[in-house]
């Protein structure tokens, strides 16, 4: 079983753009968003994936991902996925021995920027870039699957 271990933070500045080594436009949607099982369809640049994620256990959860044909993914996004479709630009930002993925959300989630780091173990240490704010690991409203149900544009100022 594959395990995803990640920490998520709100981003408070845009310095990551200058330090990014790449960026990719993403479109993704959800076939199901049950707590126990999330099924995602994603087009990332020229590639497409079907991903199945299990229930979160702290910062970890089971994850399986397979590459699929882009036209198949597009068809699923157009006809089977919940609305709105998540749109974002992902920046890859290396920092002190780790790779951070910074997602700048677009569309109904415009204004939200989240940084994620994937770790090899729950105990692995890392240094945070200076543009990180609040740790939102485990806060369900920040999950991409929940952003497809209740977009950032609908959140109260207190929630933001």
C-alpha atoms as a PDB file:
ATOM      1  CA  UNK A   1       0.000   0.000   0.000  1.00  0.00           C
ATOM      2  CA  UNK A   2       1.286   3.474  -0.899  1.00  0.00           C
ATOM      3  CA  UNK A   3       1.143   6.061   1.890  1.00  0.00           C
ATOM      4  CA  UNK A   4       1.020   9.817   1.485  1.00  0.00           C
ATOM      5  CA  UNK A   5       2.465  11.838   4.376  1.00  0.00           C
ATOM      6  CA  UNK A   6       2.104  15.580   3.923  1.00  0.00           C
ATOM      7  CA  UNK A   7       1.884  18.833   5.810  1.00  0.00           C
ATOM      8  CA  UNK A   8      -0.051  21.835   4.465  1.00  0.00           C
ATOM      9  CA  UNK A   9       0.356  25.535   5.188  1.00  0.00           C
ATOM     10  CA  UNK A  10      -1.358  28.715   4.111  1.00  0.00           C
ATOM     11  CA  UNK A  11       0.969  30.919   2.075  1.00  0.00           C
ATOM     12  CA  UNK A  12       1.332  34.548   3.149  1.00  0.00           C
ATOM     13  CA  UNK A  13       3.614  35.977   0.431  1.00  0.00           C
ATOM     14  CA  UNK A  14       4.482  35.400  -3.213  1.00  0.00           C
ATOM     15  CA  UNK A  15       8.272  34.988  -2.961  1.00  0.00           C
ATOM     16  CA  UNK A  16       7.865  31.364  -4.029  1.00  0.00           C
ATOM     17  CA  UNK A  17       7.205  32.456  -7.628  1.00  0.00           C
ATOM     18  CA  UNK A  18      10.774  33.737  -8.105  1.00  0.00           C
ATOM     19  CA  UNK A  19      12.299  30.648  -6.477  1.00  0.00           C
ATOM     20  CA  UNK A  20      10.127  28.117  -8.301  1.00  0.00           C
ATOM     21  CA  UNK A  21      11.868  25.731 -10.689  1.00  0.00           C
ATOM     22  CA  UNK A  22       8.658  24.921 -12.594  1.00  0.00           C
ATOM     23  CA  UNK A  23       4.930  25.528 -12.724  1.00  0.00           C
ATOM     24  CA  UNK A  24       2.063  23.437 -14.095  1.00  0.00           C
ATOM     25  CA  UNK A  25      -1.606  24.199 -14.678  1.00  0.00           C
ATOM     26  CA  UNK A  26      -3.988  21.633 -13.122  1.00  0.00           C
ATOM     27  CA  UNK A  27      -7.656  20.820 -13.605  1.00  0.00           C
ATOM     28  CA  UNK A  28      -9.095  18.242 -11.265  1.00  0.00           C
ATOM     29  CA  UNK A  29     -12.449  16.952 -10.202  1.00  0.00           C
ATOM     30  CA  UNK A  30     -13.892  14.400  -7.829  1.00  0.00           C
ATOM     31  CA  UNK A  31     -15.968  11.319  -8.576  1.00  0.00           C
ATOM     32  CA  UNK A  32     -16.546  10.758  -4.859  1.00  0.00           C
ATOM     33  CA  UNK A  33     -15.544  12.639  -1.719  1.00  0.00           C
ATOM     34  CA  UNK A  34     -16.472  10.215   1.042  1.00  0.00           C
ATOM     35  CA  UNK A  35     -14.362  10.503   4.193  1.00  0.00           C
ATOM     36  CA  UNK A  36     -13.159   6.910   3.786  1.00  0.00           C
ATOM     37  CA  UNK A  37     -12.417   7.143   0.046  1.00  0.00           C
ATOM     38  CA  UNK A  38     -11.797  10.069  -2.294  1.00  0.00           C
ATOM     39  CA  UNK A  39     -11.526   9.435  -6.043  1.00  0.00           C
ATOM     40  CA  UNK A  40      -9.946  12.229  -8.089  1.00  0.00           C
ATOM     41  CA  UNK A  41      -9.479  12.801 -11.821  1.00  0.00           C
ATOM     42  CA  UNK A  42      -6.630  15.176 -12.679  1.00  0.00           C
ATOM     43  CA  UNK A  43      -5.092  16.710 -15.763  1.00  0.00           C
ATOM     44  CA  UNK A  44      -1.647  18.119 -14.947  1.00  0.00           C
ATOM     45  CA  UNK A  45      -0.104  19.769 -17.975  1.00  0.00           C
ATOM     46  CA  UNK A  46      -0.056  17.084 -20.682  1.00  0.00           C
ATOM     47  CA  UNK A  47      -0.630  14.107 -18.347  1.00  0.00           C
ATOM     48  CA  UNK A  48      -3.749  12.733 -16.668  1.00  0.00           C
ATOM     49  CA  UNK A  49      -4.308  10.592 -13.578  1.00  0.00           C
ATOM     50  CA  UNK A  50      -6.947   8.762 -11.594  1.00  0.00           C
ATOM     51  CA  UNK A  51      -6.148   8.851  -7.869  1.00  0.00           C
ATOM     52  CA  UNK A  52      -7.787   7.026  -4.980  1.00  0.00           C
ATOM     53  CA  UNK A  53      -7.086   8.246  -1.451  1.00  0.00           C
ATOM     54  CA  UNK A  54      -8.084   6.668   1.842  1.00  0.00           C
ATOM     55  CA  UNK A  55      -9.085   8.291   5.115  1.00  0.00           C
ATOM     56  CA  UNK A  56      -6.603  10.622   6.811  1.00  0.00           C
ATOM     57  CA  UNK A  57      -4.791   9.268   9.867  1.00  0.00           C
ATOM     58  CA  UNK A  58      -2.989  12.371  11.150  1.00  0.00           C
ATOM     59  CA  UNK A  59      -0.792  13.564   8.289  1.00  0.00           C
ATOM     60  CA  UNK A  60      -0.897  10.159   6.515  1.00  0.00           C
ATOM     61  CA  UNK A  61      -3.294   8.273   4.275  1.00  0.00           C
ATOM     62  CA  UNK A  62      -3.319   5.490   1.699  1.00  0.00           C
ATOM     63  CA  UNK A  63      -2.959   6.702  -1.883  1.00  0.00           C
ATOM     64  CA  UNK A  64      -3.040   4.937  -5.249  1.00  0.00           C
ATOM     65  CA  UNK A  65      -2.490   6.754  -8.542  1.00  0.00           C
ATOM     66  CA  UNK A  66      -2.574   5.527 -12.128  1.00  0.00           C
ATOM     67  CA  UNK A  67      -1.941   7.421 -15.335  1.00  0.00           C
ATOM     68  CA  UNK A  68      -4.873   7.498 -17.770  1.00  0.00           C
ATOM     69  CA  UNK A  69      -5.462   8.933 -21.229  1.00  0.00           C
ATOM     70  CA  UNK A  70      -5.990  12.696 -21.243  1.00  0.00           C
ATOM     71  CA  UNK A  71      -9.163  12.460 -23.375  1.00  0.00           C
ATOM     72  CA  UNK A  72     -10.609   9.980 -20.853  1.00  0.00           C
ATOM     73  CA  UNK A  73      -9.801  12.341 -17.980  1.00  0.00           C
ATOM     74  CA  UNK A  74     -11.325  15.293 -19.840  1.00  0.00           C
ATOM     75  CA  UNK A  75     -14.512  13.319 -20.476  1.00  0.00           C
ATOM     76  CA  UNK A  76     -14.788  12.424 -16.768  1.00  0.00           C
ATOM     77  CA  UNK A  77     -14.168  16.047 -15.747  1.00  0.00           C
ATOM     78  CA  UNK A  78     -16.873  17.211 -18.166  1.00  0.00           C
ATOM     79  CA  UNK A  79     -19.540  14.622 -17.358  1.00  0.00           C
ATOM     80  CA  UNK A  80     -18.943  12.811 -14.049  1.00  0.00           C
ATOM     81  CA  UNK A  81     -17.184  15.096 -11.575  1.00  0.00           C
ATOM     82  CA  UNK A  82     -18.736  17.379  -8.979  1.00  0.00           C
ATOM     83  CA  UNK A  83     -18.732  21.110  -9.700  1.00  0.00           C
ATOM     84  CA  UNK A  84     -16.826  23.270  -9.481  1.00  0.00           C
ATOM     85  CA  UNK A  85     -13.748  21.731 -11.074  1.00  0.00           C
ATOM     86  CA  UNK A  86     -10.598  22.686  -9.163  1.00  0.00           C
ATOM     87  CA  UNK A  87      -8.221  24.856 -11.182  1.00  0.00           C
ATOM     88  CA  UNK A  88      -4.776  25.815  -9.933  1.00  0.00           C
ATOM     89  CA  UNK A  89      -1.217  26.512 -10.896  1.00  0.00           C
ATOM     90  CA  UNK A  90       1.294  24.412  -8.989  1.00  0.00           C
ATOM     91  CA  UNK A  91       4.773  25.826  -8.385  1.00  0.00           C
ATOM     92  CA  UNK A  92       7.651  23.524  -7.441  1.00  0.00           C
ATOM     93  CA  UNK A  93       9.881  25.233  -4.885  1.00  0.00           C
ATOM     94  CA  UNK A  94      13.045  23.553  -3.542  1.00  0.00           C
ATOM     95  CA  UNK A  95      13.988  24.644  -0.027  1.00  0.00           C
ATOM     96  CA  UNK A  96      16.705  23.297   2.284  1.00  0.00           C
ATOM     97  CA  UNK A  97      16.683  19.707   1.056  1.00  0.00           C
ATOM     98  CA  UNK A  98      12.940  19.343   0.480  1.00  0.00           C
ATOM     99  CA  UNK A  99      10.560  20.074  -2.367  1.00  0.00           C
ATOM    100  CA  UNK A 100       7.517  22.203  -1.662  1.00  0.00           C
ATOM    101  CA  UNK A 101       4.456  22.258  -3.915  1.00  0.00           C
ATOM    102  CA  UNK A 102       2.683  25.607  -3.822  1.00  0.00           C
ATOM    103  CA  UNK A 103      -0.847  25.622  -5.235  1.00  0.00           C
ATOM    104  CA  UNK A 104      -2.211  28.982  -6.374  1.00  0.00           C
ATOM    105  CA  UNK A 105      -5.932  28.326  -6.800  1.00  0.00           C
ATOM    106  CA  UNK A 106      -8.003  29.869  -9.577  1.00  0.00           C
ATOM    107  CA  UNK A 107     -11.705  30.159 -10.402  1.00  0.00           C
ATOM    108  CA  UNK A 108     -14.058  29.669  -7.440  1.00  0.00           C
ATOM    109  CA  UNK A 109     -11.052  29.180  -5.145  1.00  0.00           C
ATOM    110  CA  UNK A 110      -9.143  32.310  -6.265  1.00  0.00           C
ATOM    111  CA  UNK A 111      -7.252  33.918  -3.391  1.00  0.00           C
ATOM    112  CA  UNK A 112      -6.260  30.657  -1.719  1.00  0.00           C
ATOM    113  CA  UNK A 113      -2.602  29.635  -1.857  1.00  0.00           C
ATOM    114  CA  UNK A 114      -1.477  26.459  -0.084  1.00  0.00           C
ATOM    115  CA  UNK A 115       2.027  24.978   0.279  1.00  0.00           C
ATOM    116  CA  UNK A 116       2.483  21.242   0.808  1.00  0.00           C
ATOM    117  CA  UNK A 117       5.485  19.133   1.664  1.00  0.00           C
ATOM    118  CA  UNK A 118       5.468  15.355   1.278  1.00  0.00           C
ATOM    119  CA  UNK A 119       7.549  13.454   3.810  1.00  0.00           C
ATOM    120  CA  UNK A 120       9.005   9.962   4.012  1.00  0.00           C
ATOM    121  CA  UNK A 121       7.880   9.508   7.635  1.00  0.00           C
ATOM    122  CA  UNK A 122       5.771  11.287  10.234  1.00  0.00           C
ATOM    123  CA  UNK A 123       8.952  12.011  12.224  1.00  0.00           C
ATOM    124  CA  UNK A 124      10.944  13.566   9.341  1.00  0.00           C
ATOM    125  CA  UNK A 125      12.026  17.121  10.147  1.00  0.00           C
ATOM    126  CA  UNK A 126      12.074  20.031   7.706  1.00  0.00           C
ATOM    127  CA  UNK A 127      12.608  23.771   7.628  1.00  0.00           C
ATOM    128  CA  UNK A 128       9.767  26.042   6.569  1.00  0.00           C
ATOM    129  CA  UNK A 129      10.226  28.728   3.904  1.00  0.00           C
ATOM    130  CA  UNK A 130       9.601  32.273   5.204  1.00  0.00           C
ATOM    131  CA  UNK A 131       6.356  32.752   3.241  1.00  0.00           C
ATOM    132  CA  UNK A 132       4.445  30.067   5.165  1.00  0.00           C
ATOM    133  CA  UNK A 133       1.647  30.975   7.523  1.00  0.00           C
ATOM    134  CA  UNK A 134      -0.782  28.827   9.502  1.00  0.00           C
ATOM    135  CA  UNK A 135      -0.367  25.049   9.464  1.00  0.00           C
ATOM    136  CA  UNK A 136      -3.659  23.711   8.047  1.00  0.00           C
ATOM    137  CA  UNK A 137      -2.734  20.003   8.011  1.00  0.00           C
ATOM    138  CA  UNK A 138      -5.846  18.027   8.903  1.00  0.00           C
ATOM    139  CA  UNK A 139      -8.275  20.972   8.586  1.00  0.00           C
ATOM    140  CA  UNK A 140     -10.866  19.455   6.269  1.00  0.00           C
ATOM    141  CA  UNK A 141     -12.059  22.642   4.537  1.00  0.00           C
ATOM    142  CA  UNK A 142      -8.557  23.000   2.986  1.00  0.00           C
ATOM    143  CA  UNK A 143      -8.694  19.584   1.306  1.00  0.00           C
ATOM    144  CA  UNK A 144      -9.008  19.948  -2.450  1.00  0.00           C
ATOM    145  CA  UNK A 145     -11.938  17.513  -2.387  1.00  0.00           C
ATOM    146  CA  UNK A 146     -13.808  19.831  -0.012  1.00  0.00           C
ATOM    147  CA  UNK A 147     -12.912  22.892  -2.094  1.00  0.00           C
ATOM    148  CA  UNK A 148     -14.868  21.259  -4.925  1.00  0.00           C
ATOM    149  CA  UNK A 149     -17.942  21.135  -2.659  1.00  0.00           C
ATOM    150  CA  UNK A 150     -17.508  24.393  -0.758  1.00  0.00           C
ATOM    151  CA  UNK A 151     -15.134  26.729  -2.633  1.00  0.00           C
ATOM    152  CA  UNK A 152     -12.944  29.309  -0.921  1.00  0.00           C
ATOM    153  CA  UNK A 153     -15.082  32.115  -2.417  1.00  0.00           C
ATOM    154  CA  UNK A 154     -17.970  31.003  -0.158  1.00  0.00           C
ATOM    155  CA  UNK A 155     -15.978  31.021   3.088  1.00  0.00           C
ATOM    156  CA  UNK A 156     -16.553  33.667   5.746  1.00  0.00           C
ATOM    157  CA  UNK A 157     -13.734  36.087   6.600  1.00  0.00           C
ATOM    158  CA  UNK A 158     -13.269  34.188   9.873  1.00  0.00           C
ATOM    159  CA  UNK A 159     -12.757  30.887   8.010  1.00  0.00           C
ATOM    160  CA  UNK A 160     -10.218  32.454   5.654  1.00  0.00           C
END
